[in-house]
Amino acid sequence: MARRRSENKKDDMLTREQLKQVHDRLATAEIAAVEAFYRSAHHRCALQPWWLPTPRAIQELVQAWKILRRRRP
């Protein structure tokens, strides 16, 4: 059975304030930087048989996806 790296730690989730900071930083970054951040987050979210992605990694992936969706025609 797959397990998280750190079992139910509150530290592996971003707070609302941290999430807003990530969003604001990505919103002002160059598109190439956002794409690189997205690829990195996507890699960290890849499902593996021995572990699941952390909530933080998924939160970061979603934020990058939201920014890319708004910027791409």
PDB file of N, CA and C in Angstrom:
ATOM      1  N   MET A   1       0.833  -1.177   0.000  1.00  0.00           N
ATOM      2  CA  MET A   1       0.000   0.000   0.000  1.00  0.00           C
ATOM      3  C   MET A   1       0.879   1.243   0.000  1.00  0.00           C
ATOM      4  N   ALA A   2       0.495   2.218  -0.808  1.00  0.00           N
ATOM      5  CA  ALA A   2       1.264   3.454  -0.906  1.00  0.00           C
ATOM      6  C   ALA A   2       1.081   4.301   0.344  1.00  0.00           C
ATOM      7  N   ARG A   3       2.139   4.935   0.753  1.00  0.00           N
ATOM      8  CA  ARG A   3       2.104   5.792   1.926  1.00  0.00           C
ATOM      9  C   ARG A   3       2.731   7.131   1.581  1.00  0.00           C
ATOM     10  N   ARG A   4       2.318   8.125   2.309  1.00  0.00           N
ATOM     11  CA  ARG A   4       2.937   9.434   2.148  1.00  0.00           C
ATOM     12  C   ARG A   4       4.305   9.416   2.795  1.00  0.00           C
ATOM     13  N   ARG A   5       5.130  10.332   2.350  1.00  0.00           N
ATOM     14  CA  ARG A   5       6.465  10.429   2.948  1.00  0.00           C
ATOM     15  C   ARG A   5       6.385  10.769   4.422  1.00  0.00           C
ATOM     16  N   SER A   6       5.542  11.703   4.764  1.00  0.00           N
ATOM     17  CA  SER A   6       5.376  12.074   6.167  1.00  0.00           C
ATOM     18  C   SER A   6       3.899  11.904   6.504  1.00  0.00           C
ATOM     19  N   GLU A   7       3.609  10.950   7.313  1.00  0.00           N
ATOM     20  CA  GLU A   7       2.238  10.584   7.641  1.00  0.00           C
ATOM     21  C   GLU A   7       1.497  11.722   8.342  1.00  0.00           C
ATOM     22  N   ASN A   8       0.495  12.288   7.658  1.00  0.00           N
ATOM     23  CA  ASN A   8      -0.438  13.267   8.222  1.00  0.00           C
ATOM     24  C   ASN A   8       0.205  14.442   8.957  1.00  0.00           C
ATOM     25  N   LYS A   9       1.335  14.900   8.501  1.00  0.00           N
ATOM     26  CA  LYS A   9       1.939  16.075   9.116  1.00  0.00           C
ATOM     27  C   LYS A   9       1.253  17.319   8.601  1.00  0.00           C
ATOM     28  N   LYS A  10       0.984  18.243   9.476  1.00  0.00           N
ATOM     29  CA  LYS A  10       0.370  19.504   9.083  1.00  0.00           C
ATOM     30  C   LYS A  10       1.365  20.335   8.269  1.00  0.00           C
ATOM     31  N   ASP A  11       2.669  20.090   8.455  1.00  0.00           N
ATOM     32  CA  ASP A  11       3.697  20.858   7.775  1.00  0.00           C
ATOM     33  C   ASP A  11       3.720  20.629   6.269  1.00  0.00           C
ATOM     34  N   ASP A  12       3.155  19.527   5.802  1.00  0.00           N
ATOM     35  CA  ASP A  12       3.247  19.258   4.374  1.00  0.00           C
ATOM     36  C   ASP A  12       2.122  19.921   3.580  1.00  0.00           C
ATOM     37  N   MET A  13       1.314  20.748   4.232  1.00  0.00           N
ATOM     38  CA  MET A  13       0.272  21.524   3.550  1.00  0.00           C
ATOM     39  C   MET A  13       0.612  23.007   3.621  1.00  0.00           C
ATOM     40  N   LEU A  14       0.268  23.723   2.565  1.00  0.00           N
ATOM     41  CA  LEU A  14       0.457  25.166   2.585  1.00  0.00           C
ATOM     42  C   LEU A  14      -0.717  25.828   3.296  1.00  0.00           C
ATOM     43  N   THR A  15      -0.426  26.854   4.072  1.00  0.00           N
ATOM     44  CA  THR A  15      -1.494  27.634   4.690  1.00  0.00           C
ATOM     45  C   THR A  15      -2.094  28.541   3.611  1.00  0.00           C
ATOM     46  N   ARG A  16      -3.211  29.169   3.916  1.00  0.00           N
ATOM     47  CA  ARG A  16      -3.827  30.092   2.952  1.00  0.00           C
ATOM     48  C   ARG A  16      -2.871  31.217   2.584  1.00  0.00           C
ATOM     49  N   GLU A  17      -2.147  31.711   3.566  1.00  0.00           N
ATOM     50  CA  GLU A  17      -1.198  32.795   3.308  1.00  0.00           C
ATOM     51  C   GLU A  17      -0.054  32.327   2.409  1.00  0.00           C
ATOM     52  N   GLN A  18       0.495  31.153   2.690  1.00  0.00           N
ATOM     53  CA  GLN A  18       1.567  30.609   1.860  1.00  0.00           C
ATOM     54  C   GLN A  18       1.079  30.343   0.446  1.00  0.00           C
ATOM     55  N   LEU A  19      -0.140  29.842   0.328  1.00  0.00           N
ATOM     56  CA  LEU A  19      -0.724  29.565  -0.979  1.00  0.00           C
ATOM     57  C   LEU A  19      -0.880  30.863  -1.775  1.00  0.00           C
ATOM     58  N   LYS A  20      -1.301  31.918  -1.110  1.00  0.00           N
ATOM     59  CA  LYS A  20      -1.430  33.217  -1.773  1.00  0.00           C
ATOM     60  C   LYS A  20      -0.064  33.736  -2.209  1.00  0.00           C
ATOM     61  N   GLN A  21       0.965  33.525  -1.387  1.00  0.00           N
ATOM     62  CA  GLN A  21       2.312  33.960  -1.750  1.00  0.00           C
ATOM     63  C   GLN A  21       2.812  33.223  -2.990  1.00  0.00           C
ATOM     64  N   VAL A  22       2.565  31.918  -3.057  1.00  0.00           N
ATOM     65  CA  VAL A  22       2.962  31.131  -4.236  1.00  0.00           C
ATOM     66  C   VAL A  22       2.229  31.662  -5.465  1.00  0.00           C
ATOM     67  N   HIS A  23       0.928  31.882  -5.316  1.00  0.00           N
ATOM     68  CA  HIS A  23       0.127  32.379  -6.432  1.00  0.00           C
ATOM     69  C   HIS A  23       0.631  33.743  -6.904  1.00  0.00           C
ATOM     70  N   ASP A  24       0.871  34.648  -5.987  1.00  0.00           N
ATOM     71  CA  ASP A  24       1.340  35.993  -6.344  1.00  0.00           C
ATOM     72  C   ASP A  24       2.713  35.947  -7.013  1.00  0.00           C
ATOM     73  N   ARG A  25       3.582  35.093  -6.496  1.00  0.00           N
ATOM     74  CA  ARG A  25       4.922  34.966  -7.086  1.00  0.00           C
ATOM     75  C   ARG A  25       4.836  34.428  -8.515  1.00  0.00           C
ATOM     76  N   LEU A  26       3.975  33.424  -8.735  1.00  0.00           N
ATOM     77  CA  LEU A  26       3.821  32.865 -10.070  1.00  0.00           C
ATOM     78  C   LEU A  26       3.129  33.851 -11.012  1.00  0.00           C
ATOM     79  N   ALA A  27       2.201  34.625 -10.487  1.00  0.00           N
ATOM     80  CA  ALA A  27       1.468  35.589 -11.313  1.00  0.00           C
ATOM     81  C   ALA A  27       2.380  36.673 -11.872  1.00  0.00           C
ATOM     82  N   THR A  28       3.453  36.988 -11.161  1.00  0.00           N
ATOM     83  CA  THR A  28       4.366  38.035 -11.619  1.00  0.00           C
ATOM     84  C   THR A  28       5.599  37.478 -12.330  1.00  0.00           C
ATOM     85  N   ALA A  29       5.734  36.174 -12.379  1.00  0.00           N
ATOM     86  CA  ALA A  29       6.902  35.548 -13.004  1.00  0.00           C
ATOM     87  C   ALA A  29       6.732  35.462 -14.517  1.00  0.00           C
ATOM     88  N   GLU A  30       7.850  35.305 -15.204  1.00  0.00           N
ATOM     89  CA  GLU A  30       7.832  35.081 -16.648  1.00  0.00           C
ATOM     90  C   GLU A  30       7.142  33.755 -16.934  1.00  0.00           C
ATOM     91  N   ILE A  31       6.550  33.643 -18.114  1.00  0.00           N
ATOM     92  CA  ILE A  31       5.823  32.431 -18.480  1.00  0.00           C
ATOM     93  C   ILE A  31       6.749  31.210 -18.471  1.00  0.00           C
ATOM     94  N   ALA A  32       7.995  31.373 -18.891  1.00  0.00           N
ATOM     95  CA  ALA A  32       8.941  30.254 -18.895  1.00  0.00           C
ATOM     96  C   ALA A  32       9.206  29.759 -17.472  1.00  0.00           C
ATOM     97  N   ALA A  33       9.269  30.683 -16.517  1.00  0.00           N
ATOM     98  CA  ALA A  33       9.489  30.302 -15.123  1.00  0.00           C
ATOM     99  C   ALA A  33       8.275  29.561 -14.567  1.00  0.00           C
ATOM    100  N   VAL A  34       7.087  30.000 -14.949  1.00  0.00           N
ATOM    101  CA  VAL A  34       5.863  29.326 -14.492  1.00  0.00           C
ATOM    102  C   VAL A  34       5.797  27.921 -15.085  1.00  0.00           C
ATOM    103  N   GLU A  35       6.162  27.799 -16.356  1.00  0.00           N
ATOM    104  CA  GLU A  35       6.173  26.477 -16.998  1.00  0.00           C
ATOM    105  C   GLU A  35       7.170  25.543 -16.318  1.00  0.00           C
ATOM    106  N   ALA A  36       8.331  26.062 -15.968  1.00  0.00           N
ATOM    107  CA  ALA A  36       9.330  25.240 -15.281  1.00  0.00           C
ATOM    108  C   ALA A  36       8.825  24.822 -13.902  1.00  0.00           C
ATOM    109  N   PHE A  37       8.181  25.746 -13.196  1.00  0.00           N
ATOM    110  CA  PHE A  37       7.613  25.434 -11.882  1.00  0.00           C
ATOM    111  C   PHE A  37       6.540  24.358 -12.026  1.00  0.00           C
ATOM    112  N   TYR A  38       5.700  24.485 -13.068  1.00  0.00           N
ATOM    113  CA  TYR A  38       4.645  23.501 -13.317  1.00  0.00           C
ATOM    114  C   TYR A  38       5.245  22.117 -13.579  1.00  0.00           C
ATOM    115  N   ARG A  39       6.276  22.063 -14.436  1.00  0.00           N
ATOM    116  CA  ARG A  39       6.908  20.767 -14.738  1.00  0.00           C
ATOM    117  C   ARG A  39       7.498  20.128 -13.479  1.00  0.00           C
ATOM    118  N   SER A  40       8.116  20.937 -12.658  1.00  0.00           N
ATOM    119  CA  SER A  40       8.690  20.431 -11.411  1.00  0.00           C
ATOM    120  C   SER A  40       7.598  19.907 -10.479  1.00  0.00           C
ATOM    121  N   ALA A  41       6.523  20.678 -10.340  1.00  0.00           N
ATOM    122  CA  ALA A  41       5.414  20.250  -9.481  1.00  0.00           C
ATOM    123  C   ALA A  41       4.745  19.000 -10.050  1.00  0.00           C
ATOM    124  N   HIS A  42       4.606  18.947 -11.370  1.00  0.00           N
ATOM    125  CA  HIS A  42       3.998  17.781 -12.012  1.00  0.00           C
ATOM    126  C   HIS A  42       4.839  16.534 -11.751  1.00  0.00           C
ATOM    127  N   HIS A  43       6.145  16.677 -11.821  1.00  0.00           N
ATOM    128  CA  HIS A  43       7.045  15.546 -11.543  1.00  0.00           C
ATOM    129  C   HIS A  43       6.894  15.076 -10.091  1.00  0.00           C
ATOM    130  N   ARG A  44       6.785  16.024  -9.152  1.00  0.00           N
ATOM    131  CA  ARG A  44       6.621  15.656  -7.744  1.00  0.00           C
ATOM    132  C   ARG A  44       5.262  15.008  -7.470  1.00  0.00           C
ATOM    133  N   CYS A  45       4.281  15.261  -8.338  1.00  0.00           N
ATOM    134  CA  CYS A  45       2.937  14.709  -8.146  1.00  0.00           C
ATOM    135  C   CYS A  45       2.734  13.374  -8.866  1.00  0.00           C
ATOM    136  N   ALA A  46       3.722  12.923  -9.592  1.00  0.00           N
ATOM    137  CA  ALA A  46       3.579  11.660 -10.310  1.00  0.00           C
ATOM    138  C   ALA A  46       3.355  10.524  -9.314  1.00  0.00           C
ATOM    139  N   LEU A  47       2.374   9.696  -9.611  1.00  0.00           N
ATOM    140  CA  LEU A  47       2.071   8.577  -8.714  1.00  0.00           C
ATOM    141  C   LEU A  47       3.135   7.497  -8.837  1.00  0.00           C
ATOM    142  N   GLN A  48       3.581   7.037  -7.707  1.00  0.00           N
ATOM    143  CA  GLN A  48       4.563   5.957  -7.643  1.00  0.00           C
ATOM    144  C   GLN A  48       3.971   4.836  -6.800  1.00  0.00           C
ATOM    145  N   PRO A  49       4.381   3.604  -7.045  1.00  0.00           N
ATOM    146  CA  PRO A  49       3.805   2.500  -6.273  1.00  0.00           C
ATOM    147  C   PRO A  49       4.166   2.546  -4.783  1.00  0.00           C
ATOM    148  N   TRP A  50       5.225   3.242  -4.424  1.00  0.00           N
ATOM    149  CA  TRP A  50       5.679   3.220  -3.037  1.00  0.00           C
ATOM    150  C   TRP A  50       5.365   4.488  -2.256  1.00  0.00           C
ATOM    151  N   TRP A  51       4.828   5.533  -2.902  1.00  0.00           N
ATOM    152  CA  TRP A  51       4.450   6.736  -2.160  1.00  0.00           C
ATOM    153  C   TRP A  51       3.457   7.579  -2.947  1.00  0.00           C
ATOM    154  N   LEU A  52       2.730   8.406  -2.231  1.00  0.00           N
ATOM    155  CA  LEU A  52       1.766   9.338  -2.814  1.00  0.00           C
ATOM    156  C   LEU A  52       2.333  10.753  -2.741  1.00  0.00           C
ATOM    157  N   PRO A  53       1.906  11.628  -3.638  1.00  0.00           N
ATOM    158  CA  PRO A  53       2.381  13.013  -3.551  1.00  0.00           C
ATOM    159  C   PRO A  53       1.853  13.696  -2.294  1.00  0.00           C
ATOM    160  N   THR A  54       2.612  14.651  -1.827  1.00  0.00           N
ATOM    161  CA  THR A  54       2.197  15.390  -0.636  1.00  0.00           C
ATOM    162  C   THR A  54       1.118  16.403  -1.014  1.00  0.00           C
ATOM    163  N   PRO A  55       0.304  16.806  -0.064  1.00  0.00           N
ATOM    164  CA  PRO A  55      -0.691  17.858  -0.342  1.00  0.00           C
ATOM    165  C   PRO A  55      -0.035  19.149  -0.841  1.00  0.00           C
ATOM    166  N   ARG A  56       1.131  19.474  -0.318  1.00  0.00           N
ATOM    167  CA  ARG A  56       1.844  20.682  -0.739  1.00  0.00           C
ATOM    168  C   ARG A  56       2.190  20.627  -2.224  1.00  0.00           C
ATOM    169  N   ALA A  57       2.665  19.477  -2.686  1.00  0.00           N
ATOM    170  CA  ALA A  57       3.020  19.338  -4.095  1.00  0.00           C
ATOM    171  C   ALA A  57       1.794  19.514  -4.984  1.00  0.00           C
ATOM    172  N   ILE A  58       0.677  18.968  -4.565  1.00  0.00           N
ATOM    173  CA  ILE A  58      -0.558  19.094  -5.342  1.00  0.00           C
ATOM    174  C   ILE A  58      -1.046  20.539  -5.330  1.00  0.00           C
ATOM    175  N   GLN A  59      -0.952  21.210  -4.188  1.00  0.00           N
ATOM    176  CA  GLN A  59      -1.351  22.619  -4.104  1.00  0.00           C
ATOM    177  C   GLN A  59      -0.501  23.475  -5.056  1.00  0.00           C
ATOM    178  N   GLU A  60       0.796  23.210  -5.095  1.00  0.00           N
ATOM    179  CA  GLU A  60       1.689  23.966  -5.967  1.00  0.00           C
ATOM    180  C   GLU A  60       1.369  23.689  -7.432  1.00  0.00           C
ATOM    181  N   LEU A  61       1.082  22.440  -7.776  1.00  0.00           N
ATOM    182  CA  LEU A  61       0.719  22.079  -9.142  1.00  0.00           C
ATOM    183  C   LEU A  61      -0.549  22.816  -9.572  1.00  0.00           C
ATOM    184  N   VAL A  62      -1.536  22.844  -8.709  1.00  0.00           N
ATOM    185  CA  VAL A  62      -2.804  23.512  -9.031  1.00  0.00           C
ATOM    186  C   VAL A  62      -2.589  25.010  -9.226  1.00  0.00           C
ATOM    187  N   GLN A  63      -1.792  25.634  -8.379  1.00  0.00           N
ATOM    188  CA  GLN A  63      -1.541  27.071  -8.521  1.00  0.00           C
ATOM    189  C   GLN A  63      -0.849  27.367  -9.851  1.00  0.00           C
ATOM    190  N   ALA A  64       0.144  26.575 -10.212  1.00  0.00           N
ATOM    191  CA  ALA A  64       0.844  26.785 -11.479  1.00  0.00           C
ATOM    192  C   ALA A  64      -0.112  26.566 -12.650  1.00  0.00           C
ATOM    193  N   TRP A  65      -0.956  25.563 -12.552  1.00  0.00           N
ATOM    194  CA  TRP A  65      -1.923  25.281 -13.614  1.00  0.00           C
ATOM    195  C   TRP A  65      -2.887  26.451 -13.780  1.00  0.00           C
ATOM    196  N   LYS A  66      -3.347  27.025 -12.679  1.00  0.00           N
ATOM    197  CA  LYS A  66      -4.264  28.156 -12.749  1.00  0.00           C
ATOM    198  C   LYS A  66      -3.616  29.350 -13.466  1.00  0.00           C
ATOM    199  N   ILE A  67      -2.373  29.622 -13.145  1.00  0.00           N
ATOM    200  CA  ILE A  67      -1.667  30.745 -13.772  1.00  0.00           C
ATOM    201  C   ILE A  67      -1.472  30.467 -15.257  1.00  0.00           C
ATOM    202  N   LEU A  68      -1.054  29.256 -15.607  1.00  0.00           N
ATOM    203  CA  LEU A  68      -0.857  28.920 -17.017  1.00  0.00           C
ATOM    204  C   LEU A  68      -2.162  28.997 -17.793  1.00  0.00           C
ATOM    205  N   ARG A  69      -3.229  28.551 -17.202  1.00  0.00           N
ATOM    206  CA  ARG A  69      -4.534  28.577 -17.867  1.00  0.00           C
ATOM    207  C   ARG A  69      -4.964  30.009 -18.177  1.00  0.00           C
ATOM    208  N   ARG A  70      -4.684  30.919 -17.272  1.00  0.00           N
ATOM    209  CA  ARG A  70      -5.050  32.327 -17.491  1.00  0.00           C
ATOM    210  C   ARG A  70      -4.181  32.991 -18.543  1.00  0.00           C
ATOM    211  N   ARG A  71      -2.913  32.620 -18.593  1.00  0.00           N
ATOM    212  CA  ARG A  71      -1.975  33.287 -19.504  1.00  0.00           C
ATOM    213  C   ARG A  71      -1.986  32.724 -20.908  1.00  0.00           C
ATOM    214  N   ARG A  72      -2.328  31.470 -21.060  1.00  0.00           N
ATOM    215  CA  ARG A  72      -2.318  30.861 -22.390  1.00  0.00           C
ATOM    216  C   ARG A  72      -3.583  31.216 -23.150  1.00  0.00           C
ATOM    217  N   PRO A  73      -3.434  31.528 -24.442  1.00  0.00           N
ATOM    218  CA  PRO A  73      -4.617  31.864 -25.255  1.00  0.00           C
ATOM    219  C   PRO A  73      -5.474  30.641 -25.521  1.00  0.00           C
TER     220      PRO A  73
END
